[in-house]
Amino acid sequence: MNDMIQFGMPTLIENAALEENVELCRSLGLKFIELNMNFPEYQVDKLEQTEHLMRLAEEAGIYYTIHLDENLNIADFNSLVSEAYLETVRRSIEVAKKLIVLRDRYGDGSGPLTLNMHMNHGIFITLPDRKVQMYDRDFDTYMKSFETFRMKCEQWIVGSDIRILVENTDGFRDYEKKAIEYLLESPYFGLTWDIGHSKATGEKDVPFILGHKEHLMHFHIHDGSENPPKNHLALGDGEIDLADRLRLAQLKNARCVLETKTVEALKKSVQWLEQLK
C-alpha cells in the first residue's frame, strides 16, 4: 500500500457494531474509520460517548473522521429543521475536537480532522416544460442560510485543526456551486472528491473540483463506470484511472476512504493497493 497516503474505511452495514469495524480496520492495516452519521449507531448522542470510541481506537491504533448525515439541510425553509441540523453540526464538531488526539497519535498529524458533508438539493416543482429547484428560485434565502452556516462553523471550529468538507454526489447544481465557493472563502472549509460518484455521473463535477483543487483535502476512493453508471466497486473492477486519482491525492496530502459497501470489496481494494508497491 502507498505509505505516503493515509487510507481508511467507511462504516460498513455488514458490521453491526463499531467493534467489528475497528477490528476490520486494524486487520487490514488501515489508518482510520469514517464514522457515518446516517447509521443509528453513529448519531451524535452516540458519538458523544467519546471515551468508548477512544478506547476502541487506542486498542487498535487507529483514528476517526466523521461523515455528517446525508440528509443534512442547513438551508431548509423550516427554521425548526435547519436549526436542528445546525445544532447537529455544532455537537459533531465538539466530538471531533475530542477525537483529534487520536489523529495525532495514530495518523501522521499532517492534515486536519474532517467532517464530510453533502449538499442537499432541496425540493423541486415540476412544471409542464421544466423543473424548478426551490433553492434556485429563492436563491437569496438559500445563500443567507449558508452565510449563517459559515459564520457559526467558524465560531465553533476556531482554534481547532478541523475542517468541514463538501463532497460531490450526483452533480452540483449551479446554485450549489455558488454556495460552495462562498464556503471555500473560509479557511475552515474544503472539498472531498468522490471519484466513483464523479465517474457514474459522467465526470460532470470534474471541472468544478479541479478548478478549486487547492481546497481538496479528502477523497472517497472506489471504482466505477459511466455506462452503465456504477460506483462503490472494488478497486480494479471499474473504468476509473485510479493511479491518476491517487497521484493527485498524494500531491494534496489528502486522506482516502476506500468507500466500498461490502467487506469483501474492501478487502479486494486493499489487495489492489498492495500490488501498487
Foldseek 3Di string as FASTA:
>chain_A
DPPLAQEAAEDAPVDPDPLVRLVLCLVLVHAEYAYECLDPCRQLVNLVVVVVVVVSCVVSLHAYAYEYHQQQALLPPPNVNNVVSLVSVLSVLVSQQVRVVSCVRRNVNPAFREYEYEYDQADWDDDPVDIGRPCVVVVVSSLVSLVVSLVVVCVSCPPGRYAYAYEDAQADDPSRLVSLVVSVVDPRYAYEYEPLRCQQNVVNCVVVCVVRVLRYAAYEDWAFHHVNTDTLAAPPPHDDPRVVVVVSCSVNSHHYYPYHRDSVSVSSNSVVVVVVD
